[in-house]
C-alpha atoms as a PDB file:
ATOM      1  CA  MET A   1     -50.777-199.671-125.430  1.00  0.00           C
ATOM      2  CA  PRO A   2     -54.203-197.380-125.633  1.00  0.00           C
ATOM      3  CA  HIS A   3     -55.033-196.171-129.320  1.00  0.00           C
ATOM      4  CA  PHE A   4     -57.805-194.182-128.180  1.00  0.00           C
ATOM      5  CA  ASP A   5     -58.924-192.085-125.163  1.00  0.00           C
ATOM      6  CA  ALA A   6     -62.616-191.177-124.899  1.00  0.00           C
ATOM      7  CA  HIS A   7     -61.560-187.945-122.406  1.00  0.00           C
ATOM      8  CA  ASP A   8     -59.157-186.443-124.462  1.00  0.00           C
ATOM      9  CA  LEU A   9     -59.555-185.409-128.247  1.00  0.00           C
ATOM     10  CA  HIS A  10     -55.983-185.063-128.931  1.00  0.00           C
ATOM     11  CA  HIS A  11     -54.715-188.498-127.565  1.00  0.00           C
ATOM     12  CA  ARG A  12     -50.968-188.766-128.438  1.00  0.00           C
ATOM     13  CA  HIS A  13     -48.832-191.697-128.530  1.00  0.00           C
ATOM     14  CA  THR A  14     -45.792-192.641-130.104  1.00  0.00           C
ATOM     15  CA  LEU A  15     -44.771-194.071-132.889  1.00  0.00           C
ATOM     16  CA  ASN A  16     -41.483-195.562-135.079  1.00  0.00           C
ATOM     17  CA  VAL A  17     -40.903-194.456-138.267  1.00  0.00           C
ATOM     18  CA  ASP A  18     -39.208-195.918-141.072  1.00  0.00           C
ATOM     19  CA  SER A  19     -36.576-193.801-141.984  1.00  0.00           C
ATOM     20  CA  ASP A  20     -36.461-194.585-146.179  1.00  0.00           C
ATOM     21  CA  SER A  21     -40.454-193.507-146.641  1.00  0.00           C
ATOM     22  CA  LEU A  22     -42.162-190.192-147.399  1.00  0.00           C
ATOM     23  CA  VAL A  23     -43.549-190.241-143.295  1.00  0.00           C
ATOM     24  CA  GLY A  24     -39.479-190.369-142.510  1.00  0.00           C
ATOM     25  CA  ARG A  25     -38.554-187.653-144.467  1.00  0.00           C
ATOM     26  CA  ILE A  26     -41.250-185.558-142.794  1.00  0.00           C
ATOM     27  CA  TYR A  27     -40.842-186.422-139.423  1.00  0.00           C
ATOM     28  CA  GLY A  28     -37.584-187.613-139.287  1.00  0.00           C
ATOM     29  CA  ASP A  29     -35.965-191.080-137.746  1.00  0.00           C
ATOM     30  CA  GLY A  30     -37.140-192.932-134.943  1.00  0.00           C
ATOM     31  CA  GLU A  31     -39.774-192.335-132.303  1.00  0.00           C
ATOM     32  CA  ILE A  32     -42.511-189.693-132.787  1.00  0.00           C
ATOM     33  CA  ARG A  33     -45.465-188.467-131.371  1.00  0.00           C
ATOM     34  CA  VAL A  34     -48.856-188.291-133.130  1.00  0.00           C
ATOM     35  CA  SER A  35     -52.800-187.636-132.598  1.00  0.00           C
ATOM     36  CA  SER A  36     -54.577-190.800-132.401  1.00  0.00           C
ATOM     37  CA  ARG A  37     -58.119-192.100-131.813  1.00  0.00           C
ATOM     38  CA  HIS A  38     -58.907-195.631-133.433  1.00  0.00           C
ATOM     39  CA  HIS A  39     -60.300-198.858-132.234  1.00  0.00           C
ATOM     40  CA  GLN A  40     -59.766-200.673-135.708  1.00  0.00           C
ATOM     41  CA  ALA A  41     -56.444-201.308-137.496  1.00  0.00           C
ATOM     42  CA  ILE A  42     -54.841-202.768-140.791  1.00  0.00           C
ATOM     43  CA  ASP A  43     -54.326-206.456-140.217  1.00  0.00           C
ATOM     44  CA  GLU A  44     -53.171-207.315-143.885  1.00  0.00           C
ATOM     45  CA  LEU A  45     -51.520-205.010-145.983  1.00  0.00           C
ATOM     46  CA  ALA A  46     -52.384-205.181-149.999  1.00  0.00           C
ATOM     47  CA  PRO A  47     -50.172-205.683-152.759  1.00  0.00           C
ATOM     48  CA  GLY A  48     -48.317-202.600-153.959  1.00  0.00           C
ATOM     49  CA  PHE A  49     -48.091-201.123-149.846  1.00  0.00           C
ATOM     50  CA  ARG A  50     -45.578-201.276-147.038  1.00  0.00           C
ATOM     51  CA  VAL A  51     -45.658-200.185-143.734  1.00  0.00           C
ATOM     52  CA  THR A  52     -43.562-197.243-142.750  1.00  0.00           C
ATOM     53  CA  ALA A  53     -44.809-196.395-139.277  1.00  0.00           C
ATOM     54  CA  ARG A  54     -45.942-198.739-136.373  1.00  0.00           C
ATOM     55  CA  CYS A  55     -46.695-198.214-132.818  1.00  0.00           C
ATOM     56  CA  PRO A  56     -44.269-199.863-130.169  1.00  0.00           C
ATOM     57  CA  ASP A  57     -47.381-202.200-129.737  1.00  0.00           C
ATOM     58  CA  GLY A  58     -47.182-203.394-133.479  1.00  0.00           C
ATOM     59  CA  VAL A  59     -50.006-201.778-134.937  1.00  0.00           C
ATOM     60  CA  ILE A  60     -49.726-200.091-138.300  1.00  0.00           C
ATOM     61  CA  GLU A  61     -50.040-196.659-137.970  1.00  0.00           C
ATOM     62  CA  ALA A  62     -48.882-195.338-141.428  1.00  0.00           C
ATOM     63  CA  ILE A  63     -48.797-197.175-145.050  1.00  0.00           C
ATOM     64  CA  GLU A  64     -47.543-196.149-148.397  1.00  0.00           C
ATOM     65  CA  SER A  65     -47.654-197.161-152.108  1.00  0.00           C
ATOM     66  CA  GLU A  66     -44.784-198.864-153.174  1.00  0.00           C
ATOM     67  CA  MET A  67     -45.875-198.231-157.058  1.00  0.00           C
ATOM     68  CA  LEU A  68     -43.925-195.300-158.505  1.00  0.00           C
ATOM     69  CA  ASP A  69     -46.819-194.188-160.584  1.00  0.00           C
ATOM     70  CA  TRP A  70     -49.444-194.160-157.877  1.00  0.00           C
ATOM     71  CA  TYR A  71     -48.816-191.634-154.917  1.00  0.00           C
ATOM     72  CA  ALA A  72     -50.525-193.128-151.961  1.00  0.00           C
ATOM     73  CA  VAL A  73     -49.673-192.106-148.203  1.00  0.00           C
ATOM     74  CA  GLY A  74     -52.531-193.781-145.673  1.00  0.00           C
ATOM     75  CA  THR A  75     -52.017-192.686-141.763  1.00  0.00           C
ATOM     76  CA  GLN A  76     -54.008-194.402-138.660  1.00  0.00           C
ATOM     77  CA  PHE A  77     -53.126-191.696-136.525  1.00  0.00           C
ATOM     78  CA  HIS A  78     -54.717-187.915-137.442  1.00  0.00           C
ATOM     79  CA  PRO A  79     -52.241-185.311-138.861  1.00  0.00           C
ATOM     80  CA  GLU A  80     -55.207-183.017-139.079  1.00  0.00           C
ATOM     81  CA  CYS A  81     -56.193-182.553-135.411  1.00  0.00           C
ATOM     82  CA  GLY A  82     -56.564-179.663-134.075  1.00  0.00           C
ATOM     83  CA  ALA A  83     -53.116-180.740-131.644  1.00  0.00           C
ATOM     84  CA  ALA A  84     -51.687-181.020-135.025  1.00  0.00           C
ATOM     85  CA  SER A  85     -47.305-180.002-135.372  1.00  0.00           C
ATOM     86  CA  ALA A  86     -46.128-178.585-138.503  1.00  0.00           C
ATOM     87  CA  LEU A  87     -44.832-181.768-139.238  1.00  0.00           C
ATOM     88  CA  ASP A  88     -48.493-182.894-139.361  1.00  0.00           C
ATOM     89  CA  ILE A  89     -49.351-180.338-141.564  1.00  0.00           C
ATOM     90  CA  ARG A  90     -46.386-181.329-144.017  1.00  0.00           C
ATOM     91  CA  LEU A  91     -47.754-184.378-145.013  1.00  0.00           C
ATOM     92  CA  PHE A  92     -50.721-182.542-146.599  1.00  0.00           C
ATOM     93  CA  GLU A  93     -48.109-180.185-148.062  1.00  0.00           C
ATOM     94  CA  GLU A  94     -46.234-182.915-149.682  1.00  0.00           C
ATOM     95  CA  PHE A  95     -49.566-184.099-151.050  1.00  0.00           C
ATOM     96  CA  VAL A  96     -50.065-180.793-152.891  1.00  0.00           C
ATOM     97  CA  GLU A  97     -46.474-180.551-154.059  1.00  0.00           C
ATOM     98  CA  ALA A  98     -46.911-184.196-155.268  1.00  0.00           C
ATOM     99  CA  VAL A  99     -50.303-183.641-157.652  1.00  0.00           C
ATOM    100  CA  ALA A 100     -48.582-179.706-158.900  1.00  0.00           C
ATOM    101  CA  ALA A 101     -45.113-181.639-159.369  1.00  0.00           C
ATOM    102  CA  ARG A 102     -47.275-184.153-161.530  1.00  0.00           C
ATOM    103  CA  GLN A 103     -48.776-181.369-163.848  1.00  0.00           C
ATOM    104  CA  GLY A 104     -45.649-179.807-163.905  1.00  0.00           C
ATOM    105  CA  GLN A 105     -46.666-176.795-161.947  1.00  0.00           C
ATOM    106  CA  THR A 106     -44.697-175.119-158.747  1.00  0.00           C
ATOM    107  CA  VAL A 107     -46.377-174.716-155.669  1.00  0.00           C
ATOM    108  CA  ARG A 108     -45.716-172.336-152.785  1.00  0.00           C
ATOM    109  CA  MET A 109     -47.148-172.779-149.774  1.00  0.00           C
ATOM    110  CA  VAL A 110     -48.179-170.141-147.632  1.00  0.00           C
ATOM    111  CA  ALA A 111     -48.981-170.355-143.709  1.00  0.00           C
END
């Protein structure tokens, strides 16, 4: 499955999301479409991380930390691109909210 299209800056393809994850909480169960432009991918996952989204061809597209004291989410797809959806933006909002919660603050996100 193509993960890069030189003629389409917002190349989109499907992912299967692990529902028991931050990515799953944001995007919901099952298959989603994301903007993706890459020519490399994760082969071996570091200890302390788990895969939370894959393409139908098996390529890892999202990982998350399993360490409770360390907030870390990595995406191979591009939630920051010009074709981002409101769900893509939620990844960034979740990060800001997690940082604020760790510092004992509340955050109100304004669109």
